[in-house]
Amino acid sequence: MAARRALITGITGQDGSYLAEFLLQQGYEVHGMVRRSSTENFERIEHLRDRVQLHQADLLDQLSLIQLLRQVRPHELYNLAAQSFVPTSWAQPLLTGEFTALGVTRLLEAVRLVDPEIRFFQASSSEMFGAVDEVPQNENTPFRPRSPYAVAKVYGHFITINYRESYGLFACSGISFNHESPRRGKEFVTRKVTDAVARIKLGLADHVRLGNLQARRDWGYAGDYVRAFWLMLQQDQPEDFVIATGVQHSVQELVEIAFDYVGLDWRRYVRVDPALFRPAEVNSLLGDASKAREKLGWEPTVSFEELIRMMVDADLQRYRGQSSPAS
C-alpha cells in the first residue's frame, strides 16, 4: 500500500518542522512548500532534508498553488504558513492580510479546483479571541480580534468554514493557543527570554528589554500541538477544535522560571520598555480544550516549567557551540 502524502505550507517554521517529523514517524511521504527567497533558512528542517521533498510556491500566487497541488497530489494539506508575528502586523497590515487571510482562500480554492478530496487543516489562533468575553475560551467563544494579525486569522478561520459548508470540503481549523519550543523564533517573548537568559548566564549580555510583564497566556509545547493537527484530519467528520493546556501563566512567571533555572535574580536583568507594549493589548488568554480531549483523545505531555527549561537548555547549548537538532 502506497504511503499517504502530506503537504505542509510553512514547513520551515516551528510547527512545520515538528509536524514533518511527526508525519515521517507515521510513515507519510512528506512534501513542503517554500517561498523563493534570496536567503533560504532551512535550519529547523536541516536534519530532515533528505527525507522531505520541498517545492517552491507562494500564498500570494494562485497559479503556483494550483500547480503545486497537481504535482504533489496530497491526501492531507496542512496550512501553517502565515505572517505570524503580531507586532509586525501593525507595521505591515496589508501584507499580513494578503498572506494570513487571502492566502487561505487561494489555497482552499486550489483544493476545490484540483482535488476536493484533499483533507485541509487551517492553523487558526487564540489571538482571534482578543478582548475576551468569557474565560476560558472554547470553540463557541466570540472573536474580538485586537491586531491586524488576529483580524486576518479570523478571516482565514471563517473562509475555511465557508468552503467546508459551501463545497463539502474536509476542511477544519485548529484554534491553537500559544505553543513554544527551542525552535521558536527569537522575536517571540518566550524565546526572547530564554535566549537572553542563556546569553546573560554566559556573560554575553547584561539585560533584556521586555514589554507587558502582566500579560497572561496559555502556553504549551509545539511538539504536542502538531499531534492534534494530525488527529483532526483523521476524524470521520471535519470539525474545529481549540488546542490548549488549560493552564495560564504571566510573562513575569515565564521570566522568573527561566532566570531561576540558571540561578539568577531576574529583577537585576529585566528592563520594562513601554515601546514594546502593543497598541491594543490582549491581556489574558486561556483555552478550554475539552472537545479535543474528548473527541481526539489529545492531551498535552509537557508542562510549562518543563518547556521553559527545555528552551533555556537548548539556548545554552547553542551559545556553548554544542548545537544539535533541538527538541
C-alpha atoms as a PDB file:
ATOM      1  CA  MET A   1       0.000   0.000   0.000  1.00  0.00           C
ATOM      2  CA  ALA A   2       1.407   3.399  -1.000  1.00  0.00           C
ATOM      3  CA  ALA A   3       2.250   5.854   1.779  1.00  0.00           C
ATOM      4  CA  ARG A   4      -0.124   8.713   2.424  1.00  0.00           C
ATOM      5  CA  ARG A   5       1.148  12.031   1.103  1.00  0.00           C
ATOM      6  CA  ALA A   6       1.047  15.196   3.168  1.00  0.00           C
ATOM      7  CA  LEU A   7       1.841  18.737   2.030  1.00  0.00           C
ATOM      8  CA  ILE A   8       2.861  21.308   4.647  1.00  0.00           C
ATOM      9  CA  THR A   9       2.940  25.038   3.932  1.00  0.00           C
ATOM     10  CA  GLY A  10       5.272  26.794   6.339  1.00  0.00           C
ATOM     11  CA  ILE A  11       7.376  23.635   6.715  1.00  0.00           C
ATOM     12  CA  THR A  12      10.476  25.677   7.620  1.00  0.00           C
ATOM     13  CA  GLY A  13       8.729  27.202  10.661  1.00  0.00           C
ATOM     14  CA  GLN A  14       8.486  25.876  14.192  1.00  0.00           C
ATOM     15  CA  ASP A  15       5.221  23.963  13.736  1.00  0.00           C
ATOM     16  CA  GLY A  16       6.083  22.836  10.223  1.00  0.00           C
ATOM     17  CA  SER A  17       9.314  21.195  11.344  1.00  0.00           C
ATOM     18  CA  TYR A  18       7.653  19.337  14.231  1.00  0.00           C
ATOM     19  CA  LEU A  19       4.740  18.267  12.030  1.00  0.00           C
ATOM     20  CA  ALA A  20       7.125  16.992   9.333  1.00  0.00           C
ATOM     21  CA  GLU A  21       8.941  14.896  11.951  1.00  0.00           C
ATOM     22  CA  PHE A  22       5.688  13.527  13.314  1.00  0.00           C
ATOM     23  CA  LEU A  23       4.272  12.613   9.887  1.00  0.00           C
ATOM     24  CA  LEU A  24       7.501  10.875   8.886  1.00  0.00           C
ATOM     25  CA  GLN A  25       7.196   8.802  12.058  1.00  0.00           C
ATOM     26  CA  GLN A  26       3.670   7.846  10.946  1.00  0.00           C
ATOM     27  CA  GLY A  27       5.026   6.602   7.602  1.00  0.00           C
ATOM     28  CA  TYR A  28       3.909   9.558   5.458  1.00  0.00           C
ATOM     29  CA  GLU A  29       5.547  10.841   2.305  1.00  0.00           C
ATOM     30  CA  VAL A  30       6.107  14.459   3.347  1.00  0.00           C
ATOM     31  CA  HIS A  31       6.213  17.436   0.995  1.00  0.00           C
ATOM     32  CA  GLY A  32       6.804  21.037   1.983  1.00  0.00           C
ATOM     33  CA  MET A  33       6.015  24.348   0.316  1.00  0.00           C
ATOM     34  CA  VAL A  34       8.691  27.037   0.488  1.00  0.00           C
ATOM     35  CA  ARG A  35       8.770  30.552  -0.936  1.00  0.00           C
ATOM     36  CA  ARG A  36      11.519  31.538  -3.317  1.00  0.00           C
ATOM     37  CA  SER A  37      13.827  33.777  -1.314  1.00  0.00           C
ATOM     38  CA  SER A  38      17.217  35.425  -1.731  1.00  0.00           C
ATOM     39  CA  THR A  39      18.239  33.899   1.616  1.00  0.00           C
ATOM     40  CA  GLU A  40      16.879  30.470   2.463  1.00  0.00           C
ATOM     41  CA  ASN A  41      16.551  29.420   6.098  1.00  0.00           C
ATOM     42  CA  PHE A  42      16.148  25.669   6.451  1.00  0.00           C
ATOM     43  CA  GLU A  43      17.731  25.449   9.917  1.00  0.00           C
ATOM     44  CA  ARG A  44      14.671  23.877  11.573  1.00  0.00           C
ATOM     45  CA  ILE A  45      14.382  21.108   8.975  1.00  0.00           C
ATOM     46  CA  GLU A  46      18.068  20.630   8.119  1.00  0.00           C
ATOM     47  CA  HIS A  47      18.064  17.221   9.835  1.00  0.00           C
ATOM     48  CA  LEU A  48      15.073  16.200   7.660  1.00  0.00           C
ATOM     49  CA  ARG A  49      16.247  17.494   4.284  1.00  0.00           C
ATOM     50  CA  ASP A  50      16.960  14.039   2.876  1.00  0.00           C
ATOM     51  CA  ARG A  51      13.538  12.772   3.971  1.00  0.00           C
ATOM     52  CA  VAL A  52      11.178  15.528   2.801  1.00  0.00           C
ATOM     53  CA  GLN A  53      10.530  16.918  -0.675  1.00  0.00           C
ATOM     54  CA  LEU A  54      10.473  20.714  -0.963  1.00  0.00           C
ATOM     55  CA  HIS A  55       8.608  22.677  -3.656  1.00  0.00           C
ATOM     56  CA  GLN A  56       8.528  26.369  -4.477  1.00  0.00           C
ATOM     57  CA  ALA A  57       5.166  28.113  -4.436  1.00  0.00           C
ATOM     58  CA  ASP A  58       3.667  31.202  -2.815  1.00  0.00           C
ATOM     59  CA  LEU A  59       0.439  32.005  -0.977  1.00  0.00           C
ATOM     60  CA  LEU A  60       0.317  35.253  -2.978  1.00  0.00           C
ATOM     61  CA  ASP A  61       0.306  33.376  -6.315  1.00  0.00           C
ATOM     62  CA  GLN A  62      -2.824  31.352  -7.072  1.00  0.00           C
ATOM     63  CA  LEU A  63      -1.395  29.587 -10.118  1.00  0.00           C
ATOM     64  CA  SER A  64       1.659  28.349  -8.217  1.00  0.00           C
ATOM     65  CA  LEU A  65      -0.631  26.748  -5.616  1.00  0.00           C
ATOM     66  CA  ILE A  66      -2.728  25.000  -8.264  1.00  0.00           C
ATOM     67  CA  GLN A  67       0.403  23.688  -9.968  1.00  0.00           C
ATOM     68  CA  LEU A  68       1.796  22.523  -6.630  1.00  0.00           C
ATOM     69  CA  LEU A  69      -1.317  20.508  -5.778  1.00  0.00           C
ATOM     70  CA  ARG A  70      -1.359  18.960  -9.251  1.00  0.00           C
ATOM     71  CA  GLN A  71       2.276  17.938  -8.835  1.00  0.00           C
ATOM     72  CA  VAL A  72       2.135  16.553  -5.277  1.00  0.00           C
ATOM     73  CA  ARG A  73      -1.460  15.247  -5.181  1.00  0.00           C
ATOM     74  CA  PRO A  74      -1.515  15.239  -1.366  1.00  0.00           C
ATOM     75  CA  HIS A  75      -4.056  13.347   0.713  1.00  0.00           C
ATOM     76  CA  GLU A  76      -3.656  15.891   3.509  1.00  0.00           C
ATOM     77  CA  LEU A  77      -2.758  19.590   3.362  1.00  0.00           C
ATOM     78  CA  TYR A  78      -1.638  21.496   6.444  1.00  0.00           C
ATOM     79  CA  ASN A  79      -1.662  25.293   6.043  1.00  0.00           C
ATOM     80  CA  LEU A  80       0.813  26.560   8.618  1.00  0.00           C
ATOM     81  CA  ALA A  81       2.212  29.413   6.513  1.00  0.00           C
ATOM     82  CA  ALA A  82       1.388  32.974   7.547  1.00  0.00           C
ATOM     83  CA  GLN A  83       2.835  36.301   8.576  1.00  0.00           C
ATOM     84  CA  SER A  84       2.599  35.152  12.174  1.00  0.00           C
ATOM     85  CA  PHE A  85       4.289  37.782  14.368  1.00  0.00           C
ATOM     86  CA  VAL A  86       1.681  40.076  15.933  1.00  0.00           C
ATOM     87  CA  PRO A  87       3.815  43.277  16.235  1.00  0.00           C
ATOM     88  CA  THR A  88       4.799  43.033  12.552  1.00  0.00           C
ATOM     89  CA  SER A  89       1.124  43.015  11.605  1.00  0.00           C
ATOM     90  CA  TRP A  90       0.808  46.668  12.669  1.00  0.00           C
ATOM     91  CA  ALA A  91       3.875  47.624  10.616  1.00  0.00           C
ATOM     92  CA  GLN A  92       2.727  45.567   7.597  1.00  0.00           C
ATOM     93  CA  PRO A  93      -1.068  45.192   7.867  1.00  0.00           C
ATOM     94  CA  LEU A  94      -1.712  44.812   4.131  1.00  0.00           C
ATOM     95  CA  LEU A  95       0.944  42.143   3.634  1.00  0.00           C
ATOM     96  CA  THR A  96      -0.350  40.343   6.720  1.00  0.00           C
ATOM     97  CA  GLY A  97      -3.828  40.313   5.201  1.00  0.00           C
ATOM     98  CA  GLU A  98      -2.546  39.000   1.870  1.00  0.00           C
ATOM     99  CA  PHE A  99      -0.710  36.060   3.444  1.00  0.00           C
ATOM    100  CA  THR A 100      -2.721  35.279   6.543  1.00  0.00           C
ATOM    101  CA  ALA A 101      -6.240  35.922   5.210  1.00  0.00           C
ATOM    102  CA  LEU A 102      -6.387  35.844   1.405  1.00  0.00           C
ATOM    103  CA  GLY A 103      -3.638  33.226   1.246  1.00  0.00           C
ATOM    104  CA  VAL A 104      -6.015  30.774   2.919  1.00  0.00           C
ATOM    105  CA  THR A 105      -8.658  31.488   0.284  1.00  0.00           C
ATOM    106  CA  ARG A 106      -6.185  30.909  -2.545  1.00  0.00           C
ATOM    107  CA  LEU A 107      -5.185  27.582  -1.032  1.00  0.00           C
ATOM    108  CA  LEU A 108      -8.785  26.445  -0.464  1.00  0.00           C
ATOM    109  CA  GLU A 109      -9.700  27.476  -3.991  1.00  0.00           C
ATOM    110  CA  ALA A 110      -6.782  25.439  -5.313  1.00  0.00           C
ATOM    111  CA  VAL A 111      -8.048  22.410  -3.348  1.00  0.00           C
ATOM    112  CA  ARG A 112     -11.557  22.908  -4.739  1.00  0.00           C
ATOM    113  CA  LEU A 113     -10.279  23.109  -8.306  1.00  0.00           C
ATOM    114  CA  VAL A 114      -7.629  20.361  -8.223  1.00  0.00           C
ATOM    115  CA  ASP A 115      -8.930  17.727  -5.799  1.00  0.00           C
ATOM    116  CA  PRO A 116     -11.833  18.344  -3.377  1.00  0.00           C
ATOM    117  CA  GLU A 117     -10.962  15.080  -1.597  1.00  0.00           C
ATOM    118  CA  ILE A 118      -7.815  16.615  -0.058  1.00  0.00           C
ATOM    119  CA  ARG A 119      -8.201  16.956   3.714  1.00  0.00           C
ATOM    120  CA  PHE A 120      -7.331  20.530   4.715  1.00  0.00           C
ATOM    121  CA  PHE A 121      -6.075  21.862   8.044  1.00  0.00           C
ATOM    122  CA  GLN A 122      -6.023  25.598   8.790  1.00  0.00           C
ATOM    123  CA  ALA A 123      -3.840  26.914  11.619  1.00  0.00           C
ATOM    124  CA  SER A 124      -6.123  29.322  13.476  1.00  0.00           C
ATOM    125  CA  SER A 125      -5.003  31.279  16.523  1.00  0.00           C
ATOM    126  CA  SER A 126      -6.125  32.109  20.052  1.00  0.00           C
ATOM    127  CA  GLU A 127      -5.330  35.744  19.171  1.00  0.00           C
ATOM    128  CA  MET A 128      -8.703  35.727  17.373  1.00  0.00           C
ATOM    129  CA  PHE A 129     -10.414  35.830  20.787  1.00  0.00           C
ATOM    130  CA  GLY A 130      -8.659  39.108  21.619  1.00  0.00           C
ATOM    131  CA  ALA A 131     -10.556  41.142  24.216  1.00  0.00           C
ATOM    132  CA  VAL A 132     -12.267  38.056  25.567  1.00  0.00           C
ATOM    133  CA  ASP A 133     -15.890  37.929  26.687  1.00  0.00           C
ATOM    134  CA  GLU A 134     -15.515  34.727  28.694  1.00  0.00           C
ATOM    135  CA  VAL A 135     -12.851  32.664  30.463  1.00  0.00           C
ATOM    136  CA  PRO A 136     -11.773  30.095  29.434  1.00  0.00           C
ATOM    137  CA  GLN A 137     -12.295  30.288  25.667  1.00  0.00           C
ATOM    138  CA  ASN A 138     -13.746  27.372  23.684  1.00  0.00           C
ATOM    139  CA  GLU A 139     -14.952  26.740  20.129  1.00  0.00           C
ATOM    140  CA  ASN A 140     -18.097  28.817  20.726  1.00  0.00           C
ATOM    141  CA  THR A 141     -16.455  31.885  22.290  1.00  0.00           C
ATOM    142  CA  PRO A 142     -16.997  35.037  20.160  1.00  0.00           C
ATOM    143  CA  PHE A 143     -13.962  36.532  18.433  1.00  0.00           C
ATOM    144  CA  ARG A 144     -12.870  40.101  19.289  1.00  0.00           C
ATOM    145  CA  PRO A 145      -9.515  40.428  17.468  1.00  0.00           C
ATOM    146  CA  ARG A 146      -7.132  43.155  18.632  1.00  0.00           C
ATOM    147  CA  SER A 147      -4.442  43.231  15.930  1.00  0.00           C
ATOM    148  CA  PRO A 148      -4.251  43.109  12.120  1.00  0.00           C
ATOM    149  CA  TYR A 149      -2.808  39.595  12.523  1.00  0.00           C
ATOM    150  CA  ALA A 150      -5.780  38.451  14.590  1.00  0.00           C
ATOM    151  CA  VAL A 151      -8.272  40.014  12.161  1.00  0.00           C
ATOM    152  CA  ALA A 152      -6.572  38.194   9.272  1.00  0.00           C
ATOM    153  CA  LYS A 153      -6.694  34.925  11.223  1.00  0.00           C
ATOM    154  CA  VAL A 154     -10.441  35.389  11.825  1.00  0.00           C
ATOM    155  CA  TYR A 155     -10.923  35.740   8.059  1.00  0.00           C
ATOM    156  CA  GLY A 156      -8.862  32.594   7.450  1.00  0.00           C
ATOM    157  CA  HIS A 157     -10.887  30.729  10.055  1.00  0.00           C
ATOM    158  CA  PHE A 158     -14.269  31.687   8.632  1.00  0.00           C
ATOM    159  CA  ILE A 159     -13.312  31.175   4.985  1.00  0.00           C
ATOM    160  CA  THR A 160     -12.275  27.624   5.946  1.00  0.00           C
ATOM    161  CA  ILE A 161     -15.723  27.065   7.481  1.00  0.00           C
ATOM    162  CA  ASN A 162     -17.316  28.634   4.411  1.00  0.00           C
ATOM    163  CA  TYR A 163     -15.563  26.271   1.983  1.00  0.00           C
ATOM    164  CA  ARG A 164     -16.483  23.312   4.196  1.00  0.00           C
ATOM    165  CA  GLU A 165     -20.147  24.280   4.229  1.00  0.00           C
ATOM    166  CA  SER A 166     -20.358  25.516   0.632  1.00  0.00           C
ATOM    167  CA  TYR A 167     -18.332  22.862  -1.196  1.00  0.00           C
ATOM    168  CA  GLY A 168     -18.301  19.905   1.203  1.00  0.00           C
ATOM    169  CA  LEU A 169     -14.526  20.030   1.677  1.00  0.00           C
ATOM    170  CA  PHE A 170     -12.966  18.191   4.602  1.00  0.00           C
ATOM    171  CA  ALA A 171     -11.617  21.464   5.972  1.00  0.00           C
ATOM    172  CA  CYS A 172     -11.073  22.210   9.637  1.00  0.00           C
ATOM    173  CA  SER A 173      -9.299  24.709  11.856  1.00  0.00           C
ATOM    174  CA  GLY A 174      -7.215  24.181  14.955  1.00  0.00           C
ATOM    175  CA  ILE A 175      -7.558  27.205  17.229  1.00  0.00           C
ATOM    176  CA  SER A 176      -4.164  26.865  18.853  1.00  0.00           C
ATOM    177  CA  PHE A 177      -3.204  28.771  21.959  1.00  0.00           C
ATOM    178  CA  ASN A 178       0.439  29.822  22.339  1.00  0.00           C
ATOM    179  CA  HIS A 179       2.827  26.931  21.752  1.00  0.00           C
ATOM    180  CA  GLU A 180       6.568  27.189  22.043  1.00  0.00           C
ATOM    181  CA  SER A 181       9.786  25.186  21.695  1.00  0.00           C
ATOM    182  CA  PRO A 182      13.540  25.590  21.243  1.00  0.00           C
ATOM    183  CA  ARG A 183      12.720  26.193  17.558  1.00  0.00           C
ATOM    184  CA  ARG A 184      10.611  29.270  18.292  1.00  0.00           C
ATOM    185  CA  GLY A 185      11.752  32.470  16.590  1.00  0.00           C
ATOM    186  CA  LYS A 186      13.645  34.913  18.792  1.00  0.00           C
ATOM    187  CA  GLU A 187      11.053  37.627  18.150  1.00  0.00           C
ATOM    188  CA  PHE A 188       8.508  35.754  20.304  1.00  0.00           C
ATOM    189  CA  VAL A 189       8.589  36.544  24.018  1.00  0.00           C
ATOM    190  CA  THR A 190       9.250  33.010  25.278  1.00  0.00           C
ATOM    191  CA  ARG A 191      12.309  32.535  23.081  1.00  0.00           C
ATOM    192  CA  LYS A 192      13.392  36.142  23.579  1.00  0.00           C
ATOM    193  CA  VAL A 193      13.521  35.430  27.319  1.00  0.00           C
ATOM    194  CA  THR A 194      15.251  32.043  27.160  1.00  0.00           C
ATOM    195  CA  ASP A 195      17.798  33.325  24.635  1.00  0.00           C
ATOM    196  CA  ALA A 196      18.538  36.320  26.864  1.00  0.00           C
ATOM    197  CA  VAL A 197      18.862  34.118  29.945  1.00  0.00           C
ATOM    198  CA  ALA A 198      21.435  31.960  28.149  1.00  0.00           C
ATOM    199  CA  ARG A 199      23.437  34.987  26.980  1.00  0.00           C
ATOM    200  CA  ILE A 200      23.334  36.645  30.409  1.00  0.00           C
ATOM    201  CA  LYS A 201      24.352  33.420  32.157  1.00  0.00           C
ATOM    202  CA  LEU A 202      27.321  33.041  29.805  1.00  0.00           C
ATOM    203  CA  GLY A 203      28.379  36.689  30.161  1.00  0.00           C
ATOM    204  CA  LEU A 204      27.344  37.635  26.618  1.00  0.00           C
ATOM    205  CA  ALA A 205      24.687  40.175  27.691  1.00  0.00           C
ATOM    206  CA  ASP A 206      23.733  42.109  30.824  1.00  0.00           C
ATOM    207  CA  HIS A 207      19.999  42.763  30.410  1.00  0.00           C
ATOM    208  CA  VAL A 208      16.868  42.123  28.340  1.00  0.00           C
ATOM    209  CA  ARG A 209      14.100  44.586  27.408  1.00  0.00           C
ATOM    210  CA  LEU A 210      10.519  43.335  27.659  1.00  0.00           C
ATOM    211  CA  GLY A 211       7.032  44.797  27.337  1.00  0.00           C
ATOM    212  CA  ASN A 212       3.965  43.918  29.391  1.00  0.00           C
ATOM    213  CA  LEU A 213       5.046  41.505  32.147  1.00  0.00           C
ATOM    214  CA  GLN A 214       1.458  41.081  33.329  1.00  0.00           C
ATOM    215  CA  ALA A 215       0.084  39.682  30.052  1.00  0.00           C
ATOM    216  CA  ARG A 216      -1.192  36.163  30.683  1.00  0.00           C
ATOM    217  CA  ARG A 217      -1.177  33.285  28.186  1.00  0.00           C
ATOM    218  CA  ASP A 218      -1.924  29.574  27.921  1.00  0.00           C
ATOM    219  CA  TRP A 219       1.465  28.206  26.787  1.00  0.00           C
ATOM    220  CA  GLY A 220       2.074  24.658  25.532  1.00  0.00           C
ATOM    221  CA  TYR A 221       4.723  22.664  23.667  1.00  0.00           C
ATOM    222  CA  ALA A 222       4.668  22.797  19.862  1.00  0.00           C
ATOM    223  CA  GLY A 223       5.517  19.094  19.583  1.00  0.00           C
ATOM    224  CA  ASP A 224       2.270  18.282  21.394  1.00  0.00           C
ATOM    225  CA  TYR A 225       0.168  20.634  19.289  1.00  0.00           C
ATOM    226  CA  VAL A 226       1.117  19.245  15.867  1.00  0.00           C
ATOM    227  CA  ARG A 227      -0.137  15.848  17.010  1.00  0.00           C
ATOM    228  CA  ALA A 228      -3.547  17.460  17.499  1.00  0.00           C
ATOM    229  CA  PHE A 229      -3.394  18.906  13.962  1.00  0.00           C
ATOM    230  CA  TRP A 230      -2.935  15.408  12.564  1.00  0.00           C
ATOM    231  CA  LEU A 231      -5.648  13.889  14.751  1.00  0.00           C
ATOM    232  CA  MET A 232      -8.143  16.437  13.418  1.00  0.00           C
ATOM    233  CA  LEU A 233      -7.659  15.163   9.856  1.00  0.00           C
ATOM    234  CA  GLN A 234      -8.142  11.528  10.921  1.00  0.00           C
ATOM    235  CA  GLN A 235     -11.743  12.065  12.087  1.00  0.00           C
ATOM    236  CA  ASP A 236     -14.852  10.942  10.205  1.00  0.00           C
ATOM    237  CA  GLN A 237     -16.218  14.496  10.016  1.00  0.00           C
ATOM    238  CA  PRO A 238     -14.373  17.837   9.758  1.00  0.00           C
ATOM    239  CA  GLU A 239     -14.703  19.987  12.876  1.00  0.00           C
ATOM    240  CA  ASP A 240     -12.862  22.865  14.508  1.00  0.00           C
ATOM    241  CA  PHE A 241     -11.009  22.381  17.797  1.00  0.00           C
ATOM    242  CA  VAL A 242      -9.397  24.543  20.455  1.00  0.00           C
ATOM    243  CA  ILE A 243      -5.919  23.238  21.286  1.00  0.00           C
ATOM    244  CA  ALA A 244      -4.682  24.437  24.683  1.00  0.00           C
ATOM    245  CA  THR A 245      -3.300  23.284  28.033  1.00  0.00           C
ATOM    246  CA  GLY A 246      -5.976  24.939  30.170  1.00  0.00           C
ATOM    247  CA  VAL A 247      -3.260  26.446  32.398  1.00  0.00           C
ATOM    248  CA  GLN A 248      -2.334  30.129  32.364  1.00  0.00           C
ATOM    249  CA  HIS A 249       0.882  31.958  33.253  1.00  0.00           C
ATOM    250  CA  SER A 250       2.057  35.576  33.117  1.00  0.00           C
ATOM    251  CA  VAL A 251       5.107  36.808  31.240  1.00  0.00           C
ATOM    252  CA  GLN A 252       6.616  37.575  34.644  1.00  0.00           C
ATOM    253  CA  GLU A 253       6.191  33.921  35.694  1.00  0.00           C
ATOM    254  CA  LEU A 254       7.929  32.891  32.473  1.00  0.00           C
ATOM    255  CA  VAL A 255      10.793  35.245  33.310  1.00  0.00           C
ATOM    256  CA  GLU A 256      11.037  34.014  36.910  1.00  0.00           C
ATOM    257  CA  ILE A 257      11.195  30.331  35.897  1.00  0.00           C
ATOM    258  CA  ALA A 258      13.813  30.930  33.185  1.00  0.00           C
ATOM    259  CA  PHE A 259      16.156  33.046  35.338  1.00  0.00           C
ATOM    260  CA  ASP A 260      15.697  30.885  38.421  1.00  0.00           C
ATOM    261  CA  TYR A 261      16.655  27.797  36.405  1.00  0.00           C
ATOM    262  CA  VAL A 262      20.166  29.201  35.897  1.00  0.00           C
ATOM    263  CA  GLY A 263      20.417  30.650  39.427  1.00  0.00           C
ATOM    264  CA  LEU A 264      19.913  34.328  38.551  1.00  0.00           C
ATOM    265  CA  ASP A 265      17.619  37.004  40.055  1.00  0.00           C
ATOM    266  CA  TRP A 266      15.512  38.258  37.142  1.00  0.00           C
ATOM    267  CA  ARG A 267      14.982  41.695  38.736  1.00  0.00           C
ATOM    268  CA  ARG A 268      18.647  42.537  38.134  1.00  0.00           C
ATOM    269  CA  TYR A 269      18.456  41.957  34.397  1.00  0.00           C
ATOM    270  CA  VAL A 270      14.956  42.764  33.103  1.00  0.00           C
ATOM    271  CA  ARG A 271      14.112  46.258  31.827  1.00  0.00           C
ATOM    272  CA  VAL A 272      10.460  47.051  31.089  1.00  0.00           C
ATOM    273  CA  ASP A 273      10.287  49.103  27.885  1.00  0.00           C
ATOM    274  CA  PRO A 274       6.976  50.909  27.163  1.00  0.00           C
ATOM    275  CA  ALA A 275       7.872  50.928  23.456  1.00  0.00           C
ATOM    276  CA  LEU A 276       7.373  47.143  23.452  1.00  0.00           C
ATOM    277  CA  PHE A 277       3.737  47.316  24.598  1.00  0.00           C
ATOM    278  CA  ARG A 278       1.152  46.573  21.900  1.00  0.00           C
ATOM    279  CA  PRO A 279      -1.076  49.401  20.563  1.00  0.00           C
ATOM    280  CA  ALA A 280      -4.075  47.261  21.576  1.00  0.00           C
ATOM    281  CA  GLU A 281      -3.106  44.757  24.262  1.00  0.00           C
ATOM    282  CA  VAL A 282      -4.550  41.291  24.721  1.00  0.00           C
ATOM    283  CA  ASN A 283      -4.161  40.883  28.465  1.00  0.00           C
ATOM    284  CA  SER A 284      -5.390  37.351  29.059  1.00  0.00           C
ATOM    285  CA  LEU A 285      -5.993  34.171  27.050  1.00  0.00           C
ATOM    286  CA  LEU A 286      -6.908  30.771  28.497  1.00  0.00           C
ATOM    287  CA  GLY A 287      -8.112  27.821  26.434  1.00  0.00           C
ATOM    288  CA  ASP A 288     -10.670  25.093  27.097  1.00  0.00           C
ATOM    289  CA  ALA A 289      -9.609  22.048  25.057  1.00  0.00           C
ATOM    290  CA  SER A 290     -12.304  19.742  26.462  1.00  0.00           C
ATOM    291  CA  LYS A 291     -13.601  18.925  22.981  1.00  0.00           C
ATOM    292  CA  ALA A 292     -10.109  17.937  21.748  1.00  0.00           C
ATOM    293  CA  ARG A 293      -9.546  15.771  24.814  1.00  0.00           C
ATOM    294  CA  GLU A 294     -12.897  14.004  24.402  1.00  0.00           C
ATOM    295  CA  LYS A 295     -13.139  13.630  20.605  1.00  0.00           C
ATOM    296  CA  LEU A 296      -9.466  13.410  19.610  1.00  0.00           C
ATOM    297  CA  GLY A 297      -8.101  11.762  22.737  1.00  0.00           C
ATOM    298  CA  TRP A 298      -5.465  14.511  22.798  1.00  0.00           C
ATOM    299  CA  GLU A 299      -3.545  15.541  25.911  1.00  0.00           C
ATOM    300  CA  PRO A 300      -0.527  17.836  26.353  1.00  0.00           C
ATOM    301  CA  THR A 301       2.526  15.983  27.661  1.00  0.00           C
ATOM    302  CA  VAL A 302       4.991  18.789  28.517  1.00  0.00           C
ATOM    303  CA  SER A 303       4.358  21.180  31.426  1.00  0.00           C
ATOM    304  CA  PHE A 304       5.088  24.910  31.265  1.00  0.00           C
ATOM    305  CA  GLU A 305       8.075  24.609  33.594  1.00  0.00           C
ATOM    306  CA  GLU A 306       9.497  21.696  31.581  1.00  0.00           C
ATOM    307  CA  LEU A 307       9.027  23.669  28.366  1.00  0.00           C
ATOM    308  CA  ILE A 308      10.863  26.775  29.590  1.00  0.00           C
ATOM    309  CA  ARG A 309      13.740  24.727  30.998  1.00  0.00           C
ATOM    310  CA  MET A 310      13.975  22.784  27.723  1.00  0.00           C
ATOM    311  CA  MET A 311      14.247  26.087  25.852  1.00  0.00           C
ATOM    312  CA  VAL A 312      16.873  27.511  28.228  1.00  0.00           C
ATOM    313  CA  ASP A 313      18.948  24.324  27.915  1.00  0.00           C
ATOM    314  CA  ALA A 314      18.785  24.488  24.100  1.00  0.00           C
ATOM    315  CA  ASP A 315      19.860  28.148  24.045  1.00  0.00           C
ATOM    316  CA  LEU A 316      22.725  27.469  26.452  1.00  0.00           C
ATOM    317  CA  GLN A 317      23.877  24.655  24.148  1.00  0.00           C
ATOM    318  CA  ARG A 318      23.732  26.941  21.113  1.00  0.00           C
ATOM    319  CA  TYR A 319      25.948  29.566  22.715  1.00  0.00           C
ATOM    320  CA  ARG A 320      28.348  26.970  24.025  1.00  0.00           C
ATOM    321  CA  GLY A 321      28.743  25.641  20.496  1.00  0.00           C
ATOM    322  CA  GLN A 322      27.193  22.243  21.221  1.00  0.00           C
ATOM    323  CA  SER A 323      24.204  22.686  18.952  1.00  0.00           C
ATOM    324  CA  SER A 324      22.229  19.626  17.896  1.00  0.00           C
ATOM    325  CA  PRO A 325      18.700  19.304  16.429  1.00  0.00           C
ATOM    326  CA  ALA A 326      16.556  20.989  19.097  1.00  0.00           C
ATOM    327  CA  SER A 327      13.771  19.117  20.801  1.00  0.00           C
END
